[in-house]
PDB file of N, CA and C in Angstrom:
ATOM      1  N   MET A   1      -9.127  28.328  11.873  1.00  0.00           N
ATOM      2  CA  MET A   1     -10.307  27.736  12.561  1.00  0.00           C
ATOM      3  C   MET A   1      -9.750  27.201  14.124  1.00  0.00           C
ATOM      4  N   PRO A   2     -10.333  27.591  15.463  1.00  0.00           N
ATOM      5  CA  PRO A   2     -10.162  27.372  16.279  1.00  0.00           C
ATOM      6  C   PRO A   2     -10.427  25.650  16.747  1.00  0.00           C
ATOM      7  N   LYS A   3      -9.250  24.996  17.390  1.00  0.00           N
ATOM      8  CA  LYS A   3      -9.737  23.953  17.492  1.00  0.00           C
ATOM      9  C   LYS A   3     -11.028  23.167  18.011  1.00  0.00           C
ATOM     10  N   GLU A   4     -11.581  24.009  19.382  1.00  0.00           N
ATOM     11  CA  GLU A   4     -12.589  24.072  19.564  1.00  0.00           C
ATOM     12  C   GLU A   4     -13.809  23.833  18.706  1.00  0.00           C
ATOM     13  N   LYS A   5     -13.474  24.576  17.697  1.00  0.00           N
ATOM     14  CA  LYS A   5     -14.762  24.517  16.953  1.00  0.00           C
ATOM     15  C   LYS A   5     -14.975  23.340  15.781  1.00  0.00           C
ATOM     16  N   ILE A   6     -13.632  22.707  15.591  1.00  0.00           N
ATOM     17  CA  ILE A   6     -13.297  21.895  14.364  1.00  0.00           C
ATOM     18  C   ILE A   6     -14.727  21.069  14.391  1.00  0.00           C
ATOM     19  N   GLY A   7     -14.999  20.380  16.139  1.00  0.00           N
ATOM     20  CA  GLY A   7     -15.972  19.159  15.795  1.00  0.00           C
ATOM     21  C   GLY A   7     -17.210  19.505  15.818  1.00  0.00           C
ATOM     22  N   GLU A   8     -17.701  20.537  15.767  1.00  0.00           N
ATOM     23  CA  GLU A   8     -18.999  21.690  16.078  1.00  0.00           C
ATOM     24  C   GLU A   8     -19.172  21.174  14.322  1.00  0.00           C
ATOM     25  N   ILE A   9     -18.190  22.244  13.820  1.00  0.00           N
ATOM     26  CA  ILE A   9     -18.536  22.777  12.375  1.00  0.00           C
ATOM     27  C   ILE A   9     -18.259  21.599  11.313  1.00  0.00           C
ATOM     28  N   LEU A  10     -17.546  20.849  11.447  1.00  0.00           N
ATOM     29  CA  LEU A  10     -17.053  19.551  10.742  1.00  0.00           C
ATOM     30  C   LEU A  10     -17.275  18.060  11.289  1.00  0.00           C
ATOM     31  N   PRO A  11     -18.232  17.881  11.816  1.00  0.00           N
ATOM     32  CA  PRO A  11     -18.732  16.105  12.591  1.00  0.00           C
ATOM     33  C   PRO A  11     -18.383  15.129  11.784  1.00  0.00           C
ATOM     34  N   TRP A  12     -18.901  15.709  10.822  1.00  0.00           N
ATOM     35  CA  TRP A  12     -18.963  14.009   9.436  1.00  0.00           C
ATOM     36  C   TRP A  12     -17.692  13.875   9.122  1.00  0.00           C
ATOM     37  N   ILE A  13     -17.193  14.843   8.477  1.00  0.00           N
ATOM     38  CA  ILE A  13     -15.574  14.733   7.969  1.00  0.00           C
ATOM     39  C   ILE A  13     -14.420  13.894   9.142  1.00  0.00           C
ATOM     40  N   HIS A  14     -14.754  14.243  10.707  1.00  0.00           N
ATOM     41  CA  HIS A  14     -14.284  13.277  11.806  1.00  0.00           C
ATOM     42  C   HIS A  14     -14.458  12.006  11.880  1.00  0.00           C
ATOM     43  N   ILE A  15     -16.155  11.822  11.460  1.00  0.00           N
ATOM     44  CA  ILE A  15     -16.601  10.566  11.602  1.00  0.00           C
ATOM     45  C   ILE A  15     -15.784   9.893  10.317  1.00  0.00           C
ATOM     46  N   ALA A  16     -16.188  10.439   9.179  1.00  0.00           N
ATOM     47  CA  ALA A  16     -15.481   9.478   7.493  1.00  0.00           C
ATOM     48  C   ALA A  16     -13.820   9.450   7.817  1.00  0.00           C
ATOM     49  N   ILE A  17     -13.167  10.216   8.551  1.00  0.00           N
ATOM     50  CA  ILE A  17     -12.066  10.126   8.404  1.00  0.00           C
ATOM     51  C   ILE A  17     -11.576   8.575   9.111  1.00  0.00           C
ATOM     52  N   SER A  18     -12.132   8.855  10.758  1.00  0.00           N
ATOM     53  CA  SER A  18     -11.827   7.429  11.608  1.00  0.00           C
ATOM     54  C   SER A  18     -12.556   6.138  10.797  1.00  0.00           C
ATOM     55  N   ASN A  19     -13.231   6.382  10.312  1.00  0.00           N
ATOM     56  CA  ASN A  19     -13.816   5.225   9.416  1.00  0.00           C
ATOM     57  C   ASN A  19     -13.084   4.366   8.718  1.00  0.00           C
ATOM     58  N   ALA A  20     -12.525   5.409   7.810  1.00  0.00           N
ATOM     59  CA  ALA A  20     -11.308   5.258   7.008  1.00  0.00           C
ATOM     60  C   ALA A  20     -10.210   4.553   7.676  1.00  0.00           C
ATOM     61  N   LYS A  21      -9.681   5.167   8.286  1.00  0.00           N
ATOM     62  CA  LYS A  21      -8.631   4.744   9.674  1.00  0.00           C
ATOM     63  C   LYS A  21      -9.094   3.270   9.851  1.00  0.00           C
ATOM     64  N   ARG A  22     -10.083   3.163  10.283  1.00  0.00           N
ATOM     65  CA  ARG A  22     -10.063   1.711  11.171  1.00  0.00           C
ATOM     66  C   ARG A  22      -9.915   0.503   9.858  1.00  0.00           C
ATOM     67  N   GLN A  23     -11.221   1.074   8.550  1.00  0.00           N
ATOM     68  CA  GLN A  23     -11.088   0.136   7.967  1.00  0.00           C
ATOM     69  C   GLN A  23     -10.115  -0.682   7.076  1.00  0.00           C
ATOM     70  N   ILE A  24      -9.289   0.401   6.993  1.00  0.00           N
ATOM     71  CA  ILE A  24      -8.166   0.163   6.275  1.00  0.00           C
ATOM     72  C   ILE A  24      -6.954  -0.893   6.979  1.00  0.00           C
ATOM     73  N   ILE A  25      -6.873  -0.179   8.274  1.00  0.00           N
ATOM     74  CA  ILE A  25      -6.225  -0.876   9.807  1.00  0.00           C
ATOM     75  C   ILE A  25      -6.695  -2.309   9.581  1.00  0.00           C
ATOM     76  N   ASN A  26      -8.217  -2.452  10.024  1.00  0.00           N
ATOM     77  CA  ASN A  26      -8.628  -4.012   9.944  1.00  0.00           C
ATOM     78  C   ASN A  26      -8.451  -4.893   9.107  1.00  0.00           C
ATOM     79  N   THR A  27      -8.343  -4.238   7.950  1.00  0.00           N
ATOM     80  CA  THR A  27      -8.374  -4.962   6.084  1.00  0.00           C
ATOM     81  C   THR A  27      -7.243  -5.147   5.951  1.00  0.00           C
ATOM     82  N   PHE A  28      -6.387  -4.301   5.948  1.00  0.00           N
ATOM     83  CA  PHE A  28      -5.240  -4.400   5.318  1.00  0.00           C
ATOM     84  C   PHE A  28      -3.787  -4.618   6.548  1.00  0.00           C
ATOM     85  N   HIS A  29      -4.235  -4.330   7.908  1.00  0.00           N
ATOM     86  CA  HIS A  29      -3.313  -4.295   8.470  1.00  0.00           C
ATOM     87  C   HIS A  29      -1.853  -3.804   8.867  1.00  0.00           C
ATOM     88  N   ASP A  30      -0.968  -3.872   7.414  1.00  0.00           N
ATOM     89  CA  ASP A  30       0.499  -3.341   7.333  1.00  0.00           C
ATOM     90  C   ASP A  30      -0.234  -2.191   5.695  1.00  0.00           C
ATOM     91  N   VAL A  31       0.045  -1.170   5.950  1.00  0.00           N
ATOM     92  CA  VAL A  31      -0.409  -0.205   5.031  1.00  0.00           C
ATOM     93  C   VAL A  31       1.078   0.456   4.394  1.00  0.00           C
ATOM     94  N   LYS A  32       0.993   0.062   2.915  1.00  0.00           N
ATOM     95  CA  LYS A  32       2.354   0.967   2.562  1.00  0.00           C
ATOM     96  C   LYS A  32       1.869   2.024   1.615  1.00  0.00           C
ATOM     97  N   PRO A  33       2.547   3.354   1.904  1.00  0.00           N
ATOM     98  CA  PRO A  33       2.653   4.351   1.467  1.00  0.00           C
ATOM     99  C   PRO A  33       2.349   3.991  -0.262  1.00  0.00           C
ATOM    100  N   GLU A  34       2.469   3.328  -0.715  1.00  0.00           N
ATOM    101  CA  GLU A  34       2.269   3.613  -2.448  1.00  0.00           C
ATOM    102  C   GLU A  34       1.085   3.161  -2.677  1.00  0.00           C
ATOM    103  N   PHE A  35       0.528   2.082  -2.212  1.00  0.00           N
ATOM    104  CA  PHE A  35      -0.824   1.608  -1.775  1.00  0.00           C
ATOM    105  C   PHE A  35      -2.008   2.504  -1.240  1.00  0.00           C
ATOM    106  N   LEU A  36      -1.495   3.638  -0.643  1.00  0.00           N
ATOM    107  CA  LEU A  36      -2.802   4.499   0.618  1.00  0.00           C
ATOM    108  C   LEU A  36      -3.770   4.654  -0.332  1.00  0.00           C
ATOM    109  N   GLN A  37      -3.285   5.345  -1.545  1.00  0.00           N
ATOM    110  CA  GLN A  37      -4.325   5.695  -2.582  1.00  0.00           C
ATOM    111  C   GLN A  37      -5.259   5.303  -2.852  1.00  0.00           C
ATOM    112  N   LYS A  38      -4.979   4.020  -3.199  1.00  0.00           N
ATOM    113  CA  LYS A  38      -5.918   2.753  -3.502  1.00  0.00           C
ATOM    114  C   LYS A  38      -6.921   2.450  -2.547  1.00  0.00           C
ATOM    115  N   TYR A  39      -6.371   2.026  -1.203  1.00  0.00           N
ATOM    116  CA  TYR A  39      -6.780   1.895  -0.113  1.00  0.00           C
ATOM    117  C   TYR A  39      -7.800   3.292  -0.165  1.00  0.00           C
ATOM    118  N   LEU A  40      -7.365   4.095  -0.234  1.00  0.00           N
ATOM    119  CA  LEU A  40      -8.491   5.326   0.063  1.00  0.00           C
ATOM    120  C   LEU A  40      -9.627   5.647  -1.102  1.00  0.00           C
ATOM    121  N   ASP A  41      -9.292   5.488  -2.416  1.00  0.00           N
ATOM    122  CA  ASP A  41     -10.232   5.080  -3.257  1.00  0.00           C
ATOM    123  C   ASP A  41     -11.059   4.121  -3.181  1.00  0.00           C
ATOM    124  N   GLU A  42     -10.720   3.088  -2.644  1.00  0.00           N
ATOM    125  CA  GLU A  42     -11.768   1.741  -2.552  1.00  0.00           C
ATOM    126  C   GLU A  42     -13.022   2.146  -0.788  1.00  0.00           C
ATOM    127  N   PHE A  43     -12.174   3.101  -0.061  1.00  0.00           N
ATOM    128  CA  PHE A  43     -12.987   2.868   1.001  1.00  0.00           C
ATOM    129  C   PHE A  43     -14.346   4.307   0.398  1.00  0.00           C
ATOM    130  N   CYS A  44     -13.567   5.316  -0.547  1.00  0.00           N
ATOM    131  CA  CYS A  44     -14.693   6.301  -0.874  1.00  0.00           C
ATOM    132  C   CYS A  44     -15.669   5.786  -1.868  1.00  0.00           C
ATOM    133  N   TYR A  45     -15.525   5.233  -2.396  1.00  0.00           N
ATOM    134  CA  TYR A  45     -16.105   4.005  -3.612  1.00  0.00           C
ATOM    135  C   TYR A  45     -17.225   3.249  -2.319  1.00  0.00           C
ATOM    136  N   LYS A  46     -16.923   2.641  -1.893  1.00  0.00           N
ATOM    137  CA  LYS A  46     -17.762   1.981  -0.727  1.00  0.00           C
ATOM    138  C   LYS A  46     -18.930   3.119   0.021  1.00  0.00           C
ATOM    139  N   PHE A  47     -17.987   3.923   0.472  1.00  0.00           N
ATOM    140  CA  PHE A  47     -18.683   4.705   1.569  1.00  0.00           C
ATOM    141  C   PHE A  47     -19.566   5.775   0.539  1.00  0.00           C
ATOM    142  N   ASN A  48     -19.489   6.020  -0.612  1.00  0.00           N
ATOM    143  CA  ASN A  48     -20.598   6.651  -1.387  1.00  0.00           C
ATOM    144  C   ASN A  48     -21.876   6.247  -1.869  1.00  0.00           C
ATOM    145  N   ARG A  49     -21.597   4.531  -2.235  1.00  0.00           N
ATOM    146  CA  ARG A  49     -22.666   3.853  -1.972  1.00  0.00           C
ATOM    147  C   ARG A  49     -23.292   2.982  -0.918  1.00  0.00           C
ATOM    148  N   ARG A  50     -23.178   3.570   0.334  1.00  0.00           N
ATOM    149  CA  ARG A  50     -23.444   2.699   1.425  1.00  0.00           C
ATOM    150  C   ARG A  50     -25.129   2.952   1.520  1.00  0.00           C
ATOM    151  N   TYR A  51     -25.758   3.648   0.944  1.00  0.00           N
ATOM    152  CA  TYR A  51     -27.308   4.094   0.714  1.00  0.00           C
ATOM    153  C   TYR A  51     -28.044   3.267  -0.155  1.00  0.00           C
ATOM    154  N   PHE A  52     -27.263   3.037  -1.450  1.00  0.00           N
ATOM    155  CA  PHE A  52     -28.170   2.462  -2.391  1.00  0.00           C
ATOM    156  C   PHE A  52     -28.921   1.313  -2.474  1.00  0.00           C
ATOM    157  N   GLY A  53     -28.935   0.378  -1.149  1.00  0.00           N
ATOM    158  CA  GLY A  53     -29.429  -0.921  -1.211  1.00  0.00           C
ATOM    159  C   GLY A  53     -30.203  -1.231  -2.584  1.00  0.00           C
ATOM    160  N   GLU A  54     -31.217  -1.238  -2.586  1.00  0.00           N
ATOM    161  CA  GLU A  54     -31.688  -2.150  -3.821  1.00  0.00           C
ATOM    162  C   GLU A  54     -31.636  -1.367  -5.097  1.00  0.00           C
ATOM    163  N   ALA A  55     -31.386  -0.831  -5.217  1.00  0.00           N
ATOM    164  CA  ALA A  55     -30.923   0.072  -6.544  1.00  0.00           C
ATOM    165  C   ALA A  55     -29.376  -0.243  -6.921  1.00  0.00           C
ATOM    166  N   LEU A  56     -28.988  -1.158  -6.146  1.00  0.00           N
ATOM    167  CA  LEU A  56     -27.512  -1.497  -6.879  1.00  0.00           C
ATOM    168  C   LEU A  56     -27.422  -1.950  -7.936  1.00  0.00           C
ATOM    169  N   PHE A  57     -28.096  -3.058  -7.889  1.00  0.00           N
ATOM    170  CA  PHE A  57     -27.897  -4.135  -8.922  1.00  0.00           C
ATOM    171  C   PHE A  57     -28.509  -3.321 -10.284  1.00  0.00           C
ATOM    172  N   ASN A  58     -29.411  -2.413  -9.880  1.00  0.00           N
ATOM    173  CA  ASN A  58     -29.984  -2.238 -11.353  1.00  0.00           C
ATOM    174  C   ASN A  58     -28.658  -0.866 -11.651  1.00  0.00           C
ATOM    175  N   ARG A  59     -28.182  -0.186 -10.693  1.00  0.00           N
ATOM    176  CA  ARG A  59     -27.140   0.838 -11.188  1.00  0.00           C
ATOM    177  C   ARG A  59     -25.823   0.393 -11.809  1.00  0.00           C
ATOM    178  N   LEU A  60     -25.548  -1.256 -11.210  1.00  0.00           N
ATOM    179  CA  LEU A  60     -24.525  -1.335 -11.475  1.00  0.00           C
ATOM    180  C   LEU A  60     -24.332  -2.429 -13.158  1.00  0.00           C
ATOM    181  N   LEU A  61     -25.728  -2.318 -13.505  1.00  0.00           N
ATOM    182  CA  LEU A  61     -26.273  -3.331 -14.980  1.00  0.00           C
ATOM    183  C   LEU A  61     -25.986  -2.116 -15.835  1.00  0.00           C
ATOM    184  N   VAL A  62     -26.923  -0.631 -15.801  1.00  0.00           N
ATOM    185  CA  VAL A  62     -26.803  -0.061 -16.918  1.00  0.00           C
ATOM    186  C   VAL A  62     -24.558   0.334 -17.469  1.00  0.00           C
ATOM    187  N   PRO A  63     -24.256   0.071 -16.364  1.00  0.00           N
ATOM    188  CA  PRO A  63     -22.725   0.212 -16.992  1.00  0.00           C
ATOM    189  C   PRO A  63     -22.161  -1.083 -17.739  1.00  0.00           C
ATOM    190  N   CYS A  64     -22.895  -2.243 -17.367  1.00  0.00           N
ATOM    191  CA  CYS A  64     -22.367  -3.426 -17.607  1.00  0.00           C
ATOM    192  C   CYS A  64     -22.989  -3.532 -19.195  1.00  0.00           C
ATOM    193  N   VAL A  65     -24.205  -3.034 -19.179  1.00  0.00           N
ATOM    194  CA  VAL A  65     -25.312  -3.339 -20.747  1.00  0.00           C
ATOM    195  C   VAL A  65     -24.577  -2.559 -21.256  1.00  0.00           C
ATOM    196  N   SER A  66     -24.297  -1.132 -21.244  1.00  0.00           N
ATOM    197  CA  SER A  66     -23.618   0.002 -22.594  1.00  0.00           C
ATOM    198  C   SER A  66     -22.220  -0.099 -22.389  1.00  0.00           C
ATOM    199  N   TYR A  67     -21.218  -0.954 -21.850  1.00  0.00           N
ATOM    200  CA  TYR A  67     -19.794  -0.932 -21.968  1.00  0.00           C
ATOM    201  C   TYR A  67     -19.696  -1.618 -23.733  1.00  0.00           C
ATOM    202  N   LYS A  68     -18.523  -0.654 -24.213  1.00  0.00           N
ATOM    203  CA  LYS A  68     -18.318  -1.275 -25.846  1.00  0.00           C
ATOM    204  C   LYS A  68     -16.662  -1.750 -25.499  1.00  0.00           C
ATOM    205  N   ASN A  69     -16.585  -2.693 -25.973  1.00  0.00           N
ATOM    206  CA  ASN A  69     -15.340  -2.881 -26.349  1.00  0.00           C
ATOM    207  C   ASN A  69     -14.481  -2.516 -27.561  1.00  0.00           C
ATOM    208  N   GLU A  70     -13.087  -2.114 -26.750  1.00  0.00           N
ATOM    209  CA  GLU A  70     -12.634  -1.718 -28.212  1.00  0.00           C
ATOM    210  C   GLU A  70     -11.919  -2.199 -28.687  1.00  0.00           C
ATOM    211  N   PHE A  71     -11.522  -3.313 -28.053  1.00  0.00           N
ATOM    212  CA  PHE A  71     -10.409  -4.321 -28.328  1.00  0.00           C
ATOM    213  C   PHE A  71     -10.896  -4.910 -29.543  1.00  0.00           C
ATOM    214  N   ARG A  72      -9.817  -5.224 -30.873  1.00  0.00           N
ATOM    215  CA  ARG A  72      -9.861  -5.588 -31.747  1.00  0.00           C
ATOM    216  C   ARG A  72      -8.592  -6.749 -31.992  1.00  0.00           C
ATOM    217  N   TYR A  73      -9.214  -8.118 -32.746  1.00  0.00           N
ATOM    218  CA  TYR A  73      -8.219  -8.982 -32.910  1.00  0.00           C
ATOM    219  C   TYR A  73      -7.266  -8.695 -34.200  1.00  0.00           C
ATOM    220  N   MET A  74      -6.253  -9.053 -34.263  1.00  0.00           N
ATOM    221  CA  MET A  74      -5.446  -8.619 -35.741  1.00  0.00           C
ATOM    222  C   MET A  74      -5.100 -10.110 -35.844  1.00  0.00           C
ATOM    223  N   CYS A  75      -5.453 -10.321 -37.080  1.00  0.00           N
ATOM    224  CA  CYS A  75      -5.529 -11.488 -37.948  1.00  0.00           C
ATOM    225  C   CYS A  75      -4.439 -11.209 -39.072  1.00  0.00           C
ATOM    226  N   GLY A  76      -3.392 -12.541 -39.109  1.00  0.00           N
ATOM    227  CA  GLY A  76      -2.503 -12.690 -39.898  1.00  0.00           C
ATOM    228  C   GLY A  76      -1.735 -11.886 -40.064  1.00  0.00           C
TER     229      GLY A  76
END
């Protein structure tokens, strides 16, 4: 793909990447390579939920109510 066409073909990719860079730098200031994937995961999580608005609480409520704890106490 020629460099001149990249901005026309994938404009949202460049916007998302620049937003991720800006958020990571503004929030964490010093990005350590071993934590970079976690920072990117957090950005993707927030980015994918930016339009939920009023439905966000209901979407969060479903996994909270349906969670089943597998932890069992051992007695004696």
